Amino acid sequence: MSTHAKRERLLLADLLEAAGPDAPTLCEGWRTQDLAAHVVVRERRPDAAAGTLVPLLKDRLDRVQAEFAAKPYEELVQLLRSGPPRLSPFTIKQVDEGANIVEFYVHAEDVRRAQPDWTARPLDPVFADALWSRLEKSARLLGRKAPVGLVLRRPDGQTVVAHRGVPVVTVSGEPGELIMFLFGRQDAAKVALDGEPDAVAKLHTTKQLGL
C-alpha cells in the first residue's frame, strides 16, 4: 500500500514537472528549479542538508544547493520521483513517513498556491489525521519563535499549544492549513485567527514561524 509520504512525493514531482523550472513558489526567492534542488539535496546529500539546522554548515549547504540547482530540471524531478538512494534511511517506511509527509505536502502546496488561480485541495480524513499527528509532535518546535501565545485548533475541537505566552491567539483550520500557517505561509493558509487585534496582526506578519 502506498504511504502518505510516497503519494505526496509523486504529487510534488507531477506538480514540478507541469510547472516547469521557472515557475514561482511560496518559498521567498525560489523558483521551482530551486525548490526541486532543495528536496533532492535534502534526501541525497545529508552531509549538506544538515546546514538547515547547523549554522557552521550553511556555506556547504548553499554550495551544494547551487550545484544541484544547475542540473537539468528534468533530472531533478526524476531524482525526486524515483525516491531515495538505496542505502538512505528514507527507504524505511517509518522514517519516510516521519520525515517526509509534511515536507512533501508543504512543498507541493508551495507550488500549487503560488499560482493565481489555485483552489484548496480537499484532503481525505485519514491523511488529515496523519498531518495533525505530525503537527502535535512538532508544534512547539515550529511555534517557538511566535511573538504571542499560540493555540492551534482543528474543526473537531482538538487543540495543541504551539507557544505559551500572553496574549493568546487561536488559529483555527483544517490540519493541512494549520501546517501551512505554522510553516510561515500565513498569507496562503485558509485559517481563522482569534485574539486581540494587535496580537493577531503581529502573529500574521511574523517572519519567524517555522524552522
N, C-alpha and C. Protein backbone atom coordinates (compact mmCIF):
# COMPACT_ATOMS: atom_id res chain seq x y z
N MET A 1 0.84 -1.19 0.00
CA MET A 1 0.00 0.00 0.00
C MET A 1 0.89 1.25 0.00
N SER A 2 0.51 2.23 -0.80
CA SER A 2 1.27 3.46 -0.88
C SER A 2 1.15 4.24 0.42
N THR A 3 2.23 4.83 0.86
CA THR A 3 2.20 5.65 2.07
C THR A 3 1.82 7.08 1.72
N HIS A 4 1.45 7.84 2.75
CA HIS A 4 1.14 9.25 2.52
C HIS A 4 2.34 9.98 1.94
N ALA A 5 3.52 9.73 2.50
CA ALA A 5 4.72 10.42 2.02
C ALA A 5 5.00 10.08 0.56
N LYS A 6 4.81 8.83 0.19
CA LYS A 6 5.07 8.45 -1.19
C LYS A 6 4.09 9.13 -2.14
N ARG A 7 2.83 9.18 -1.74
CA ARG A 7 1.84 9.85 -2.59
C ARG A 7 2.15 11.33 -2.74
N GLU A 8 2.54 11.98 -1.63
CA GLU A 8 2.87 13.40 -1.71
C GLU A 8 4.14 13.62 -2.53
N ARG A 9 5.07 12.70 -2.47
CA ARG A 9 6.29 12.77 -3.29
C ARG A 9 5.92 12.79 -4.77
N LEU A 10 5.06 11.84 -5.16
CA LEU A 10 4.69 11.74 -6.57
C LEU A 10 3.87 12.95 -7.01
N LEU A 11 3.02 13.44 -6.12
CA LEU A 11 2.26 14.65 -6.45
C LEU A 11 3.19 15.84 -6.64
N LEU A 12 4.15 16.00 -5.74
CA LEU A 12 5.11 17.10 -5.86
C LEU A 12 5.88 16.99 -7.17
N ALA A 13 6.32 15.79 -7.51
CA ALA A 13 7.05 15.59 -8.77
C ALA A 13 6.17 15.96 -9.96
N ASP A 14 4.91 15.56 -9.93
CA ASP A 14 3.99 15.90 -11.01
C ASP A 14 3.78 17.41 -11.13
N LEU A 15 3.62 18.05 -9.98
CA LEU A 15 3.41 19.50 -9.99
C LEU A 15 4.63 20.24 -10.51
N LEU A 16 5.82 19.81 -10.08
CA LEU A 16 7.05 20.44 -10.57
C LEU A 16 7.21 20.23 -12.06
N GLU A 17 6.93 19.02 -12.52
CA GLU A 17 7.05 18.72 -13.94
C GLU A 17 6.11 19.59 -14.76
N ALA A 18 4.87 19.72 -14.30
CA ALA A 18 3.88 20.50 -15.03
C ALA A 18 4.20 22.00 -15.02
N ALA A 19 4.78 22.48 -13.91
CA ALA A 19 5.04 23.91 -13.76
C ALA A 19 6.25 24.37 -14.57
N GLY A 20 7.23 23.48 -14.77
CA GLY A 20 8.46 23.88 -15.43
C GLY A 20 9.43 24.52 -14.45
N PRO A 21 10.66 24.78 -14.89
CA PRO A 21 11.72 25.19 -13.96
C PRO A 21 11.67 26.63 -13.47
N ASP A 22 10.86 27.47 -14.09
CA ASP A 22 10.92 28.89 -13.75
C ASP A 22 9.62 29.42 -13.17
N ALA A 23 8.80 28.54 -12.62
CA ALA A 23 7.53 28.97 -12.04
C ALA A 23 7.75 29.50 -10.63
N PRO A 24 6.89 30.38 -10.16
CA PRO A 24 7.03 30.89 -8.80
C PRO A 24 6.65 29.84 -7.77
N THR A 25 7.12 30.03 -6.54
CA THR A 25 6.73 29.19 -5.41
C THR A 25 6.46 30.12 -4.23
N LEU A 26 5.96 29.55 -3.15
CA LEU A 26 5.75 30.34 -1.93
C LEU A 26 7.04 30.53 -1.14
N CYS A 27 8.11 29.84 -1.53
CA CYS A 27 9.40 29.98 -0.84
C CYS A 27 10.08 31.24 -1.36
N GLU A 28 10.25 32.22 -0.51
CA GLU A 28 10.78 33.51 -0.92
C GLU A 28 12.13 33.36 -1.62
N GLY A 29 12.22 33.90 -2.85
CA GLY A 29 13.45 33.87 -3.60
C GLY A 29 13.67 32.60 -4.41
N TRP A 30 12.78 31.64 -4.29
CA TRP A 30 12.94 30.37 -5.00
C TRP A 30 11.94 30.23 -6.13
N ARG A 31 12.45 29.82 -7.30
CA ARG A 31 11.59 29.34 -8.37
C ARG A 31 11.50 27.82 -8.22
N THR A 32 10.76 27.18 -9.11
CA THR A 32 10.59 25.73 -9.00
C THR A 32 11.91 24.98 -9.17
N GLN A 33 12.84 25.53 -9.96
CA GLN A 33 14.16 24.88 -10.10
C GLN A 33 14.86 24.81 -8.75
N ASP A 34 14.79 25.89 -7.98
CA ASP A 34 15.43 25.94 -6.67
C ASP A 34 14.75 24.98 -5.69
N LEU A 35 13.43 24.94 -5.73
CA LEU A 35 12.71 24.05 -4.82
C LEU A 35 13.02 22.59 -5.12
N ALA A 36 13.06 22.26 -6.42
CA ALA A 36 13.40 20.88 -6.80
C ALA A 36 14.79 20.52 -6.31
N ALA A 37 15.74 21.44 -6.46
CA ALA A 37 17.10 21.18 -5.98
C ALA A 37 17.11 20.98 -4.47
N HIS A 38 16.33 21.77 -3.76
CA HIS A 38 16.28 21.66 -2.30
C HIS A 38 15.83 20.28 -1.84
N VAL A 39 14.72 19.78 -2.40
CA VAL A 39 14.21 18.49 -1.91
C VAL A 39 15.15 17.35 -2.29
N VAL A 40 15.84 17.46 -3.42
CA VAL A 40 16.78 16.41 -3.82
C VAL A 40 18.02 16.44 -2.93
N VAL A 41 18.54 17.63 -2.66
CA VAL A 41 19.71 17.75 -1.78
C VAL A 41 19.38 17.22 -0.38
N ARG A 42 18.22 17.57 0.12
CA ARG A 42 17.81 17.12 1.45
C ARG A 42 17.82 15.61 1.55
N GLU A 43 17.42 14.94 0.49
CA GLU A 43 17.29 13.49 0.52
C GLU A 43 18.58 12.77 0.13
N ARG A 44 19.37 13.36 -0.74
CA ARG A 44 20.53 12.66 -1.29
C ARG A 44 21.87 13.17 -0.78
N ARG A 45 21.89 14.32 -0.11
CA ARG A 45 23.14 14.85 0.41
C ARG A 45 22.95 15.29 1.87
N PRO A 46 22.79 14.31 2.76
CA PRO A 46 22.58 14.67 4.17
C PRO A 46 23.75 15.45 4.76
N ASP A 47 24.93 15.26 4.21
CA ASP A 47 26.10 16.00 4.70
C ASP A 47 25.93 17.50 4.49
N ALA A 48 25.22 17.86 3.43
CA ALA A 48 24.97 19.28 3.16
C ALA A 48 23.65 19.73 3.76
N ALA A 49 22.63 18.86 3.72
CA ALA A 49 21.30 19.23 4.22
C ALA A 49 21.33 19.61 5.68
N ALA A 50 22.30 19.10 6.43
CA ALA A 50 22.41 19.45 7.85
C ALA A 50 22.60 20.94 8.05
N GLY A 51 22.98 21.65 7.00
CA GLY A 51 23.17 23.09 7.08
C GLY A 51 21.91 23.86 7.36
N THR A 52 20.74 23.23 7.21
CA THR A 52 19.49 23.90 7.56
C THR A 52 19.36 24.05 9.07
N LEU A 53 20.07 23.21 9.83
CA LEU A 53 19.98 23.23 11.29
C LEU A 53 21.28 23.65 11.95
N VAL A 54 22.40 23.43 11.27
CA VAL A 54 23.72 23.73 11.86
C VAL A 54 24.34 24.91 11.12
N PRO A 55 24.40 26.09 11.76
CA PRO A 55 24.91 27.28 11.09
C PRO A 55 26.29 27.12 10.47
N LEU A 56 27.16 26.34 11.10
CA LEU A 56 28.52 26.17 10.58
C LEU A 56 28.53 25.45 9.24
N LEU A 57 27.45 24.73 8.91
CA LEU A 57 27.38 24.00 7.65
C LEU A 57 26.58 24.74 6.59
N LYS A 58 26.16 25.97 6.89
CA LYS A 58 25.31 26.72 5.97
C LYS A 58 26.01 26.99 4.64
N ASP A 59 27.29 27.35 4.68
CA ASP A 59 28.01 27.63 3.44
C ASP A 59 28.10 26.38 2.56
N ARG A 60 28.32 25.24 3.19
CA ARG A 60 28.37 23.98 2.44
C ARG A 60 27.02 23.69 1.79
N LEU A 61 25.96 23.90 2.56
CA LEU A 61 24.62 23.68 2.01
C LEU A 61 24.37 24.60 0.81
N ASP A 62 24.70 25.86 0.94
CA ASP A 62 24.50 26.80 -0.16
C ASP A 62 25.26 26.38 -1.41
N ARG A 63 26.48 25.90 -1.21
CA ARG A 63 27.31 25.49 -2.34
C ARG A 63 26.72 24.26 -3.04
N VAL A 64 26.34 23.27 -2.25
CA VAL A 64 25.77 22.05 -2.83
C VAL A 64 24.41 22.34 -3.46
N GLN A 65 23.62 23.18 -2.80
CA GLN A 65 22.32 23.56 -3.36
C GLN A 65 22.50 24.22 -4.73
N ALA A 66 23.48 25.10 -4.85
CA ALA A 66 23.73 25.76 -6.13
C ALA A 66 24.18 24.76 -7.19
N GLU A 67 24.98 23.78 -6.78
CA GLU A 67 25.42 22.76 -7.73
C GLU A 67 24.24 21.95 -8.27
N PHE A 68 23.32 21.60 -7.39
CA PHE A 68 22.16 20.82 -7.83
C PHE A 68 21.19 21.69 -8.62
N ALA A 69 21.07 22.96 -8.25
CA ALA A 69 20.17 23.85 -8.99
C ALA A 69 20.64 24.06 -10.42
N ALA A 70 21.94 23.80 -10.68
CA ALA A 70 22.48 23.95 -12.03
C ALA A 70 22.25 22.71 -12.89
N LYS A 71 21.75 21.64 -12.29
CA LYS A 71 21.48 20.41 -13.05
C LYS A 71 20.24 20.60 -13.92
N PRO A 72 20.10 19.79 -14.97
CA PRO A 72 18.88 19.86 -15.78
C PRO A 72 17.64 19.63 -14.91
N TYR A 73 16.63 20.43 -15.14
CA TYR A 73 15.41 20.36 -14.33
C TYR A 73 14.77 18.98 -14.39
N GLU A 74 14.73 18.41 -15.58
CA GLU A 74 14.11 17.09 -15.74
C GLU A 74 14.82 16.04 -14.90
N GLU A 75 16.14 16.18 -14.74
CA GLU A 75 16.90 15.24 -13.92
C GLU A 75 16.52 15.38 -12.45
N LEU A 76 16.36 16.61 -11.98
CA LEU A 76 15.98 16.82 -10.59
C LEU A 76 14.60 16.24 -10.30
N VAL A 77 13.67 16.46 -11.20
CA VAL A 77 12.32 15.94 -10.99
C VAL A 77 12.34 14.41 -10.97
N GLN A 78 13.14 13.82 -11.85
CA GLN A 78 13.21 12.36 -11.88
C GLN A 78 13.89 11.80 -10.63
N LEU A 79 14.89 12.49 -10.11
CA LEU A 79 15.54 12.06 -8.87
C LEU A 79 14.54 12.09 -7.71
N LEU A 80 13.71 13.11 -7.68
CA LEU A 80 12.68 13.18 -6.65
C LEU A 80 11.67 12.04 -6.83
N ARG A 81 11.21 11.86 -8.05
CA ARG A 81 10.17 10.88 -8.32
C ARG A 81 10.65 9.46 -8.03
N SER A 82 11.91 9.18 -8.31
CA SER A 82 12.42 7.82 -8.17
C SER A 82 12.66 7.42 -6.72
N GLY A 83 12.64 8.37 -5.81
CA GLY A 83 12.78 8.04 -4.40
C GLY A 83 14.21 8.13 -3.91
N PRO A 84 14.41 7.84 -2.63
CA PRO A 84 15.73 7.99 -2.02
C PRO A 84 16.72 6.94 -2.52
N PRO A 85 18.01 7.21 -2.37
CA PRO A 85 19.03 6.22 -2.74
C PRO A 85 18.85 4.93 -1.93
N ARG A 86 19.39 3.84 -2.44
CA ARG A 86 19.16 2.52 -1.86
C ARG A 86 19.55 2.43 -0.40
N LEU A 87 20.63 3.06 0.01
CA LEU A 87 21.10 2.96 1.38
C LEU A 87 20.61 4.09 2.28
N SER A 88 19.73 4.92 1.77
CA SER A 88 19.22 6.04 2.56
C SER A 88 18.25 5.56 3.64
N PRO A 89 18.28 6.19 4.82
CA PRO A 89 17.30 5.84 5.85
C PRO A 89 15.86 6.14 5.41
N PHE A 90 15.71 7.02 4.41
CA PHE A 90 14.37 7.33 3.92
C PHE A 90 13.72 6.15 3.21
N THR A 91 14.49 5.10 2.91
CA THR A 91 13.88 3.92 2.30
C THR A 91 13.06 3.12 3.33
N ILE A 92 13.26 3.40 4.62
CA ILE A 92 12.48 2.76 5.68
C ILE A 92 11.15 3.49 5.80
N LYS A 93 10.06 2.75 5.70
CA LYS A 93 8.73 3.36 5.64
C LYS A 93 8.49 4.32 6.80
N GLN A 94 8.82 3.89 8.02
CA GLN A 94 8.54 4.72 9.19
C GLN A 94 9.34 6.02 9.16
N VAL A 95 10.58 5.94 8.70
CA VAL A 95 11.42 7.14 8.60
C VAL A 95 10.87 8.07 7.52
N ASP A 96 10.51 7.47 6.39
CA ASP A 96 9.97 8.25 5.28
C ASP A 96 8.71 9.00 5.71
N GLU A 97 7.80 8.29 6.37
CA GLU A 97 6.56 8.93 6.82
C GLU A 97 6.86 10.04 7.84
N GLY A 98 7.73 9.73 8.79
CA GLY A 98 8.02 10.70 9.83
C GLY A 98 8.69 11.96 9.32
N ALA A 99 9.57 11.81 8.36
CA ALA A 99 10.38 12.94 7.89
C ALA A 99 9.80 13.64 6.68
N ASN A 100 9.01 12.94 5.88
CA ASN A 100 8.65 13.48 4.57
C ASN A 100 7.19 13.82 4.36
N ILE A 101 6.29 13.31 5.17
CA ILE A 101 4.89 13.57 4.91
C ILE A 101 4.60 15.07 4.91
N VAL A 102 5.11 15.79 5.90
CA VAL A 102 4.88 17.23 5.97
C VAL A 102 5.76 17.96 4.95
N GLU A 103 7.00 17.54 4.81
CA GLU A 103 7.92 18.17 3.85
C GLU A 103 7.33 18.20 2.45
N PHE A 104 6.87 17.06 1.98
CA PHE A 104 6.35 16.99 0.61
C PHE A 104 4.99 17.68 0.49
N TYR A 105 4.16 17.58 1.54
CA TYR A 105 2.88 18.26 1.50
C TYR A 105 3.08 19.77 1.37
N VAL A 106 3.92 20.34 2.24
CA VAL A 106 4.13 21.79 2.23
C VAL A 106 4.70 22.24 0.89
N HIS A 107 5.69 21.52 0.37
CA HIS A 107 6.30 21.96 -0.88
C HIS A 107 5.38 21.76 -2.08
N ALA A 108 4.53 20.74 -2.04
CA ALA A 108 3.53 20.61 -3.10
C ALA A 108 2.60 21.82 -3.08
N GLU A 109 2.21 22.23 -1.87
CA GLU A 109 1.35 23.41 -1.76
C GLU A 109 2.12 24.69 -2.11
N ASP A 110 3.43 24.72 -1.87
CA ASP A 110 4.24 25.87 -2.28
C ASP A 110 4.15 26.09 -3.79
N VAL A 111 4.09 24.99 -4.53
CA VAL A 111 3.97 25.11 -5.99
C VAL A 111 2.54 25.46 -6.37
N ARG A 112 1.57 24.75 -5.81
CA ARG A 112 0.16 24.97 -6.16
C ARG A 112 -0.30 26.38 -5.82
N ARG A 113 0.00 26.83 -4.61
CA ARG A 113 -0.58 28.07 -4.11
C ARG A 113 0.14 29.32 -4.61
N ALA A 114 1.24 29.14 -5.30
CA ALA A 114 1.91 30.29 -5.91
C ALA A 114 1.23 30.69 -7.21
N GLN A 115 0.30 29.86 -7.69
CA GLN A 115 -0.43 30.17 -8.91
C GLN A 115 -1.64 31.04 -8.57
N PRO A 116 -1.96 32.02 -9.41
CA PRO A 116 -3.05 32.95 -9.07
C PRO A 116 -4.43 32.30 -9.02
N ASP A 117 -4.60 31.18 -9.69
CA ASP A 117 -5.93 30.57 -9.76
C ASP A 117 -6.05 29.31 -8.90
N TRP A 118 -5.19 29.19 -7.88
CA TRP A 118 -5.20 27.96 -7.10
C TRP A 118 -6.49 27.83 -6.29
N THR A 119 -6.87 26.60 -6.06
CA THR A 119 -8.03 26.30 -5.22
C THR A 119 -7.60 25.30 -4.14
N ALA A 120 -8.33 25.29 -3.05
CA ALA A 120 -7.99 24.39 -1.95
C ALA A 120 -8.11 22.93 -2.39
N ARG A 121 -7.18 22.12 -1.94
CA ARG A 121 -7.19 20.69 -2.26
C ARG A 121 -7.81 19.94 -1.10
N PRO A 122 -8.97 19.31 -1.29
CA PRO A 122 -9.58 18.56 -0.19
C PRO A 122 -8.72 17.36 0.18
N LEU A 123 -8.53 17.15 1.46
CA LEU A 123 -7.71 16.04 1.95
C LEU A 123 -8.62 14.99 2.56
N ASP A 124 -8.31 13.72 2.30
CA ASP A 124 -9.12 12.68 2.90
C ASP A 124 -8.88 12.64 4.41
N PRO A 125 -9.86 12.20 5.18
CA PRO A 125 -9.75 12.26 6.65
C PRO A 125 -8.54 11.53 7.22
N VAL A 126 -8.15 10.42 6.62
CA VAL A 126 -7.00 9.66 7.13
C VAL A 126 -5.72 10.48 6.97
N PHE A 127 -5.57 11.12 5.82
CA PHE A 127 -4.39 11.95 5.58
C PHE A 127 -4.42 13.16 6.50
N ALA A 128 -5.59 13.78 6.68
CA ALA A 128 -5.70 14.93 7.57
C ALA A 128 -5.30 14.54 9.00
N ASP A 129 -5.71 13.36 9.43
CA ASP A 129 -5.33 12.89 10.77
C ASP A 129 -3.83 12.67 10.88
N ALA A 130 -3.23 12.16 9.80
CA ALA A 130 -1.78 11.95 9.80
C ALA A 130 -1.04 13.28 9.90
N LEU A 131 -1.54 14.30 9.19
CA LEU A 131 -0.92 15.62 9.29
C LEU A 131 -1.10 16.20 10.70
N TRP A 132 -2.27 16.00 11.29
CA TRP A 132 -2.50 16.50 12.65
C TRP A 132 -1.55 15.82 13.64
N SER A 133 -1.34 14.53 13.45
CA SER A 133 -0.43 13.80 14.34
C SER A 133 0.98 14.38 14.26
N ARG A 134 1.44 14.70 13.04
CA ARG A 134 2.76 15.31 12.89
C ARG A 134 2.77 16.70 13.51
N LEU A 135 1.67 17.42 13.36
CA LEU A 135 1.58 18.76 13.92
C LEU A 135 1.66 18.74 15.44
N GLU A 136 0.99 17.78 16.05
CA GLU A 136 1.04 17.66 17.50
C GLU A 136 2.46 17.45 17.99
N LYS A 137 3.25 16.69 17.23
CA LYS A 137 4.62 16.38 17.65
C LYS A 137 5.58 17.54 17.42
N SER A 138 5.29 18.40 16.44
CA SER A 138 6.26 19.43 16.07
C SER A 138 5.81 20.85 16.35
N ALA A 139 4.60 21.03 16.88
CA ALA A 139 4.04 22.37 17.03
C ALA A 139 4.91 23.27 17.91
N ARG A 140 5.41 22.74 19.01
CA ARG A 140 6.19 23.60 19.91
C ARG A 140 7.53 24.01 19.31
N LEU A 141 8.12 23.11 18.52
CA LEU A 141 9.36 23.47 17.83
C LEU A 141 9.10 24.54 16.78
N LEU A 142 8.06 24.34 15.99
CA LEU A 142 7.76 25.28 14.91
C LEU A 142 7.24 26.61 15.43
N GLY A 143 6.56 26.57 16.59
CA GLY A 143 5.98 27.80 17.12
C GLY A 143 6.82 28.49 18.17
N ARG A 144 8.04 28.03 18.37
CA ARG A 144 8.84 28.52 19.49
C ARG A 144 9.17 30.01 19.38
N LYS A 145 9.18 30.56 18.16
CA LYS A 145 9.52 31.97 17.99
C LYS A 145 8.29 32.85 17.79
N ALA A 146 7.11 32.29 18.00
CA ALA A 146 5.90 33.09 17.86
C ALA A 146 5.95 34.27 18.83
N PRO A 147 5.54 35.45 18.40
CA PRO A 147 5.62 36.63 19.26
C PRO A 147 4.52 36.72 20.29
N VAL A 148 3.56 35.79 20.23
CA VAL A 148 2.44 35.76 21.18
C VAL A 148 2.14 34.31 21.53
N GLY A 149 1.27 34.09 22.51
CA GLY A 149 0.81 32.74 22.77
C GLY A 149 0.06 32.21 21.56
N LEU A 150 0.24 30.94 21.26
CA LEU A 150 -0.31 30.39 20.02
C LEU A 150 -0.95 29.03 20.28
N VAL A 151 -2.25 28.94 19.99
CA VAL A 151 -3.00 27.70 20.10
C VAL A 151 -3.54 27.35 18.73
N LEU A 152 -3.40 26.09 18.33
CA LEU A 152 -3.91 25.61 17.04
C LEU A 152 -5.14 24.75 17.29
N ARG A 153 -6.20 24.98 16.52
CA ARG A 153 -7.45 24.26 16.72
C ARG A 153 -7.97 23.75 15.38
N ARG A 154 -8.30 22.44 15.34
CA ARG A 154 -8.90 21.89 14.13
C ARG A 154 -10.43 21.90 14.27
N PRO A 155 -11.18 21.71 13.19
CA PRO A 155 -12.64 21.87 13.24
C PRO A 155 -13.35 20.99 14.26
N ASP A 156 -12.80 19.82 14.60
CA ASP A 156 -13.47 18.95 15.57
C ASP A 156 -13.21 19.36 17.01
N GLY A 157 -12.49 20.47 17.20
CA GLY A 157 -12.25 20.99 18.55
C GLY A 157 -10.93 20.59 19.17
N GLN A 158 -10.21 19.66 18.59
CA GLN A 158 -8.90 19.28 19.14
C GLN A 158 -7.95 20.48 19.05
N THR A 159 -7.14 20.66 20.07
CA THR A 159 -6.21 21.78 20.09
C THR A 159 -4.82 21.31 20.48
N VAL A 160 -3.85 22.13 20.13
CA VAL A 160 -2.47 21.91 20.56
C VAL A 160 -1.86 23.28 20.82
N VAL A 161 -1.11 23.38 21.90
CA VAL A 161 -0.44 24.63 22.24
C VAL A 161 0.92 24.66 21.54
N ALA A 162 1.09 25.62 20.62
CA ALA A 162 2.35 25.73 19.90
C ALA A 162 3.33 26.67 20.59
N HIS A 163 2.80 27.60 21.39
CA HIS A 163 3.68 28.52 22.11
C HIS A 163 2.93 29.09 23.31
N ARG A 164 3.54 29.00 24.48
CA ARG A 164 2.92 29.55 25.68
C ARG A 164 3.28 31.02 25.82
N GLY A 165 2.30 31.81 26.18
CA GLY A 165 2.52 33.24 26.34
C GLY A 165 1.20 33.98 26.34
N VAL A 166 1.28 35.28 26.58
CA VAL A 166 0.09 36.14 26.54
C VAL A 166 0.46 37.40 25.76
N PRO A 167 -0.52 37.97 25.06
CA PRO A 167 -1.87 37.47 24.83
C PRO A 167 -1.84 36.21 23.95
N VAL A 168 -2.96 35.49 23.91
CA VAL A 168 -3.05 34.25 23.15
C VAL A 168 -3.85 34.47 21.87
N VAL A 169 -3.35 33.92 20.78
CA VAL A 169 -4.09 33.89 19.52
C VAL A 169 -4.40 32.44 19.20
N THR A 170 -5.66 32.15 18.89
CA THR A 170 -6.06 30.82 18.47
C THR A 170 -6.22 30.81 16.96
N VAL A 171 -5.52 29.89 16.31
CA VAL A 171 -5.59 29.75 14.86
C VAL A 171 -6.40 28.49 14.56
N SER A 172 -7.50 28.65 13.85
CA SER A 172 -8.40 27.53 13.59
C SER A 172 -8.41 27.18 12.10
N GLY A 173 -8.41 25.89 11.81
CA GLY A 173 -8.46 25.45 10.43
C GLY A 173 -8.23 23.96 10.31
N GLU A 174 -8.32 23.46 9.10
CA GLU A 174 -8.01 22.06 8.85
C GLU A 174 -6.52 21.81 9.10
N PRO A 175 -6.14 20.57 9.44
CA PRO A 175 -4.73 20.30 9.75
C PRO A 175 -3.75 20.77 8.68
N GLY A 176 -4.08 20.55 7.42
CA GLY A 176 -3.17 20.98 6.35
C GLY A 176 -2.99 22.48 6.33
N GLU A 177 -4.06 23.22 6.60
CA GLU A 177 -3.98 24.68 6.61
C GLU A 177 -3.19 25.17 7.83
N LEU A 178 -3.36 24.51 8.96
CA LEU A 178 -2.59 24.88 10.15
C LEU A 178 -1.10 24.64 9.93
N ILE A 179 -0.77 23.57 9.23
CA ILE A 179 0.63 23.30 8.92
C ILE A 179 1.20 24.38 8.03
N MET A 180 0.45 24.78 7.01
CA MET A 180 0.93 25.85 6.13
C MET A 180 1.16 27.13 6.93
N PHE A 181 0.24 27.43 7.84
CA PHE A 181 0.39 28.64 8.66
C PHE A 181 1.63 28.54 9.54
N LEU A 182 1.80 27.40 10.19
CA LEU A 182 2.90 27.24 11.13
C LEU A 182 4.25 27.17 10.43
N PHE A 183 4.25 26.82 9.16
CA PHE A 183 5.49 26.82 8.38
C PHE A 183 5.75 28.16 7.70
N GLY A 184 5.07 29.21 8.17
CA GLY A 184 5.36 30.55 7.68
C GLY A 184 4.65 30.96 6.42
N ARG A 185 3.65 30.17 5.99
CA ARG A 185 2.89 30.52 4.78
C ARG A 185 1.56 31.15 5.20
N GLN A 186 1.62 32.14 6.09
CA GLN A 186 0.39 32.69 6.66
C GLN A 186 -0.55 33.24 5.60
N ASP A 187 -0.02 33.93 4.61
CA ASP A 187 -0.89 34.57 3.61
C ASP A 187 -1.60 33.56 2.73
N ALA A 188 -1.09 32.34 2.65
CA ALA A 188 -1.68 31.33 1.77
C ALA A 188 -2.48 30.29 2.53
N ALA A 189 -2.56 30.41 3.83
CA ALA A 189 -3.26 29.42 4.65
C ALA A 189 -4.69 29.86 4.90
N LYS A 190 -5.63 28.95 4.70
CA LYS A 190 -7.05 29.24 4.92
C LYS A 190 -7.39 28.92 6.38
N VAL A 191 -7.15 29.89 7.24
CA VAL A 191 -7.38 29.73 8.67
C VAL A 191 -8.11 30.96 9.20
N ALA A 192 -8.61 30.84 10.42
CA ALA A 192 -9.22 31.96 11.12
C ALA A 192 -8.41 32.24 12.38
N LEU A 193 -8.13 33.51 12.63
CA LEU A 193 -7.33 33.91 13.80
C LEU A 193 -8.23 34.64 14.79
N ASP A 194 -8.17 34.22 16.05
CA ASP A 194 -9.00 34.82 17.09
C ASP A 194 -8.11 35.27 18.24
N GLY A 195 -8.21 36.55 18.56
CA GLY A 195 -7.43 37.11 19.65
C GLY A 195 -7.45 38.61 19.59
N GLU A 196 -6.66 39.27 20.44
CA GLU A 196 -6.58 40.72 20.41
C GLU A 196 -6.06 41.18 19.06
N PRO A 197 -6.63 42.24 18.48
CA PRO A 197 -6.24 42.66 17.13
C PRO A 197 -4.73 42.86 16.94
N ASP A 198 -4.09 43.49 17.91
CA ASP A 198 -2.65 43.73 17.77
C ASP A 198 -1.88 42.41 17.77
N ALA A 199 -2.30 41.46 18.61
CA ALA A 199 -1.63 40.17 18.68
C ALA A 199 -1.84 39.39 17.39
N VAL A 200 -3.06 39.44 16.86
CA VAL A 200 -3.37 38.75 15.60
C VAL A 200 -2.51 39.31 14.47
N ALA A 201 -2.41 40.64 14.39
CA ALA A 201 -1.62 41.27 13.33
C ALA A 201 -0.14 40.91 13.46
N LYS A 202 0.35 40.90 14.68
CA LYS A 202 1.75 40.58 14.91
C LYS A 202 2.06 39.14 14.50
N LEU A 203 1.17 38.21 14.86
CA LEU A 203 1.38 36.81 14.51
C LEU A 203 1.28 36.59 13.01
N HIS A 204 0.32 37.24 12.39
CA HIS A 204 0.09 37.01 10.96
C HIS A 204 1.27 37.47 10.11
N THR A 205 1.96 38.50 10.56
CA THR A 205 3.03 39.07 9.75
C THR A 205 4.43 38.65 10.16
N THR A 206 4.55 37.88 11.25
CA THR A 206 5.89 37.49 11.69
C THR A 206 6.58 36.62 10.67
N LYS A 207 7.85 36.80 10.48
CA LYS A 207 8.64 36.00 9.55
C LYS A 207 9.35 34.86 10.26
N GLN A 208 9.11 34.72 11.56
CA GLN A 208 9.89 33.77 12.34
C GLN A 208 9.19 32.44 12.59
N LEU A 209 8.00 32.24 12.06
CA LEU A 209 7.34 30.96 12.24
C LEU A 209 8.04 29.91 11.40
N GLY A 210 8.02 28.67 11.86
CA GLY A 210 8.65 27.60 11.13
C GLY A 210 10.11 27.47 11.47
N LEU A 211 10.78 26.52 10.80
CA LEU A 211 12.20 26.27 11.07
C LEU A 211 13.08 27.33 10.47
